[in-house]
């Protein structure tokens, strides 16, 4: 179970996707997607979120987080590239 996204994408270039949403920006990306693809102002609904209230579980052990990041280095590179593409999209097309 190493670098799952790298395996899933088969080295398919991220810039070939017209949209990549990022979980940490779910509300913003959801609204952007609906506005730019369907011309509709739509907001995400949050239901049945569990005990974390939609905040997820943050890995507080810095050593374990570092090991995880190293083990999944290629996936983190994909993630960072997706963040960069998102930033370009948001600065290019505000709204």
C-alpha atoms as a PDB file:
ATOM      1  CA  UNK A   1       0.000   0.000   0.000  1.00  0.00           C
ATOM      2  CA  UNK A   2       2.664   2.478  -1.036  1.00  0.00           C
ATOM      3  CA  UNK A   3       2.032   5.524  -3.260  1.00  0.00           C
ATOM      4  CA  UNK A   4      -1.528   4.510  -4.143  1.00  0.00           C
ATOM      5  CA  UNK A   5      -2.233   7.652  -6.183  1.00  0.00           C
ATOM      6  CA  UNK A   6       0.878   7.161  -8.270  1.00  0.00           C
ATOM      7  CA  UNK A   7      -0.296   3.630  -9.074  1.00  0.00           C
ATOM      8  CA  UNK A   8      -3.872   4.727  -9.746  1.00  0.00           C
ATOM      9  CA  UNK A   9      -2.913   7.554 -12.105  1.00  0.00           C
ATOM     10  CA  UNK A  10      -0.383   5.464 -14.107  1.00  0.00           C
ATOM     11  CA  UNK A  11       1.789   8.601 -14.519  1.00  0.00           C
ATOM     12  CA  UNK A  12      -1.115  10.402 -16.224  1.00  0.00           C
ATOM     13  CA  UNK A  13      -0.206  14.125 -16.139  1.00  0.00           C
ATOM     14  CA  UNK A  14      -2.305  16.118 -13.682  1.00  0.00           C
ATOM     15  CA  UNK A  15      -2.518  19.054 -16.064  1.00  0.00           C
ATOM     16  CA  UNK A  16      -4.633  16.843 -18.350  1.00  0.00           C
ATOM     17  CA  UNK A  17      -7.459  17.032 -15.808  1.00  0.00           C
ATOM     18  CA  UNK A  18      -9.775  19.992 -16.152  1.00  0.00           C
ATOM     19  CA  UNK A  19     -10.461  20.002 -12.405  1.00  0.00           C
ATOM     20  CA  UNK A  20      -8.851  18.490  -9.324  1.00  0.00           C
ATOM     21  CA  UNK A  21     -10.501  19.158  -5.983  1.00  0.00           C
ATOM     22  CA  UNK A  22      -8.505  19.112  -2.765  1.00  0.00           C
ATOM     23  CA  UNK A  23     -10.124  17.668   0.357  1.00  0.00           C
ATOM     24  CA  UNK A  24      -8.769  20.399   2.641  1.00  0.00           C
ATOM     25  CA  UNK A  25     -10.557  22.948   0.444  1.00  0.00           C
ATOM     26  CA  UNK A  26     -13.678  20.842  -0.106  1.00  0.00           C
ATOM     27  CA  UNK A  27     -16.248  23.619   0.420  1.00  0.00           C
ATOM     28  CA  UNK A  28     -14.409  26.096  -1.821  1.00  0.00           C
ATOM     29  CA  UNK A  29     -13.623  23.562  -4.546  1.00  0.00           C
ATOM     30  CA  UNK A  30     -17.166  22.172  -4.520  1.00  0.00           C
ATOM     31  CA  UNK A  31     -18.629  25.664  -4.970  1.00  0.00           C
ATOM     32  CA  UNK A  32     -16.056  26.546  -7.662  1.00  0.00           C
ATOM     33  CA  UNK A  33     -16.804  23.359  -9.585  1.00  0.00           C
ATOM     34  CA  UNK A  34     -20.567  23.954  -9.632  1.00  0.00           C
ATOM     35  CA  UNK A  35     -20.213  27.638 -10.516  1.00  0.00           C
ATOM     36  CA  UNK A  36     -17.704  27.102 -13.338  1.00  0.00           C
ATOM     37  CA  UNK A  37     -19.111  23.900 -14.856  1.00  0.00           C
ATOM     38  CA  UNK A  38     -22.846  24.349 -14.317  1.00  0.00           C
ATOM     39  CA  UNK A  39     -23.246  28.103 -13.698  1.00  0.00           C
ATOM     40  CA  UNK A  40     -24.967  27.408 -10.387  1.00  0.00           C
ATOM     41  CA  UNK A  41     -24.151  28.691  -6.910  1.00  0.00           C
ATOM     42  CA  UNK A  42     -24.100  25.460  -4.942  1.00  0.00           C
ATOM     43  CA  UNK A  43     -22.842  24.773  -1.460  1.00  0.00           C
ATOM     44  CA  UNK A  44     -21.837  21.414  -0.024  1.00  0.00           C
ATOM     45  CA  UNK A  45     -24.076  19.870   2.607  1.00  0.00           C
ATOM     46  CA  UNK A  46     -22.478  18.299   5.628  1.00  0.00           C
ATOM     47  CA  UNK A  47     -24.355  15.381   7.158  1.00  0.00           C
ATOM     48  CA  UNK A  48     -23.419  12.460   9.369  1.00  0.00           C
ATOM     49  CA  UNK A  49     -19.881  13.760   9.953  1.00  0.00           C
ATOM     50  CA  UNK A  50     -19.040  11.710  13.020  1.00  0.00           C
ATOM     51  CA  UNK A  51     -17.307  12.785  16.184  1.00  0.00           C
ATOM     52  CA  UNK A  52     -14.576  14.893  14.543  1.00  0.00           C
ATOM     53  CA  UNK A  53     -17.065  17.421  13.221  1.00  0.00           C
ATOM     54  CA  UNK A  54     -15.594  17.272   9.731  1.00  0.00           C
ATOM     55  CA  UNK A  55     -12.084  18.111  10.906  1.00  0.00           C
ATOM     56  CA  UNK A  56     -10.630  14.686  10.253  1.00  0.00           C
ATOM     57  CA  UNK A  57      -7.817  13.171  12.237  1.00  0.00           C
ATOM     58  CA  UNK A  58      -4.580  15.118  12.332  1.00  0.00           C
ATOM     59  CA  UNK A  59      -1.451  13.070  12.854  1.00  0.00           C
ATOM     60  CA  UNK A  60       0.087  14.724  15.891  1.00  0.00           C
ATOM     61  CA  UNK A  61       3.160  12.480  16.193  1.00  0.00           C
ATOM     62  CA  UNK A  62       5.673  14.427  14.081  1.00  0.00           C
ATOM     63  CA  UNK A  63       8.068  11.486  13.745  1.00  0.00           C
ATOM     64  CA  UNK A  64       5.318   9.207  12.466  1.00  0.00           C
ATOM     65  CA  UNK A  65       4.082  11.950  10.139  1.00  0.00           C
ATOM     66  CA  UNK A  66       7.610  12.304   8.734  1.00  0.00           C
ATOM     67  CA  UNK A  67       7.872   8.526   8.219  1.00  0.00           C
ATOM     68  CA  UNK A  68       4.492   8.468   6.503  1.00  0.00           C
ATOM     69  CA  UNK A  69       5.478  11.324   4.221  1.00  0.00           C
ATOM     70  CA  UNK A  70       8.751   9.621   3.322  1.00  0.00           C
ATOM     71  CA  UNK A  71       7.062   6.278   2.677  1.00  0.00           C
ATOM     72  CA  UNK A  72       4.527   7.929   0.345  1.00  0.00           C
ATOM     73  CA  UNK A  73       6.970  10.442  -1.179  1.00  0.00           C
ATOM     74  CA  UNK A  74       5.648  10.068  -4.754  1.00  0.00           C
ATOM     75  CA  UNK A  75       2.041  10.571  -3.638  1.00  0.00           C
ATOM     76  CA  UNK A  76       3.066  13.707  -1.758  1.00  0.00           C
ATOM     77  CA  UNK A  77       4.681  15.041  -4.933  1.00  0.00           C
ATOM     78  CA  UNK A  78       1.397  14.435  -6.770  1.00  0.00           C
ATOM     79  CA  UNK A  79      -0.477  16.178  -3.959  1.00  0.00           C
ATOM     80  CA  UNK A  80       1.842  19.187  -4.042  1.00  0.00           C
ATOM     81  CA  UNK A  81       1.476  19.394  -7.840  1.00  0.00           C
ATOM     82  CA  UNK A  82      -2.317  19.291  -7.432  1.00  0.00           C
ATOM     83  CA  UNK A  83      -2.118  22.104  -4.866  1.00  0.00           C
ATOM     84  CA  UNK A  84      -0.070  24.142  -7.322  1.00  0.00           C
ATOM     85  CA  UNK A  85      -2.606  23.557 -10.100  1.00  0.00           C
ATOM     86  CA  UNK A  86      -5.404  24.535  -7.729  1.00  0.00           C
ATOM     87  CA  UNK A  87      -3.629  27.769  -6.838  1.00  0.00           C
ATOM     88  CA  UNK A  88      -3.191  28.561 -10.548  1.00  0.00           C
ATOM     89  CA  UNK A  89      -6.887  27.838 -11.156  1.00  0.00           C
ATOM     90  CA  UNK A  90      -8.024  29.997  -8.256  1.00  0.00           C
ATOM     91  CA  UNK A  91      -5.815  32.963  -9.195  1.00  0.00           C
ATOM     92  CA  UNK A  92      -6.688  32.668 -12.893  1.00  0.00           C
ATOM     93  CA  UNK A  93     -10.443  32.422 -12.401  1.00  0.00           C
ATOM     94  CA  UNK A  94     -11.574  33.986  -9.167  1.00  0.00           C
ATOM     95  CA  UNK A  95     -15.158  33.000  -8.486  1.00  0.00           C
END
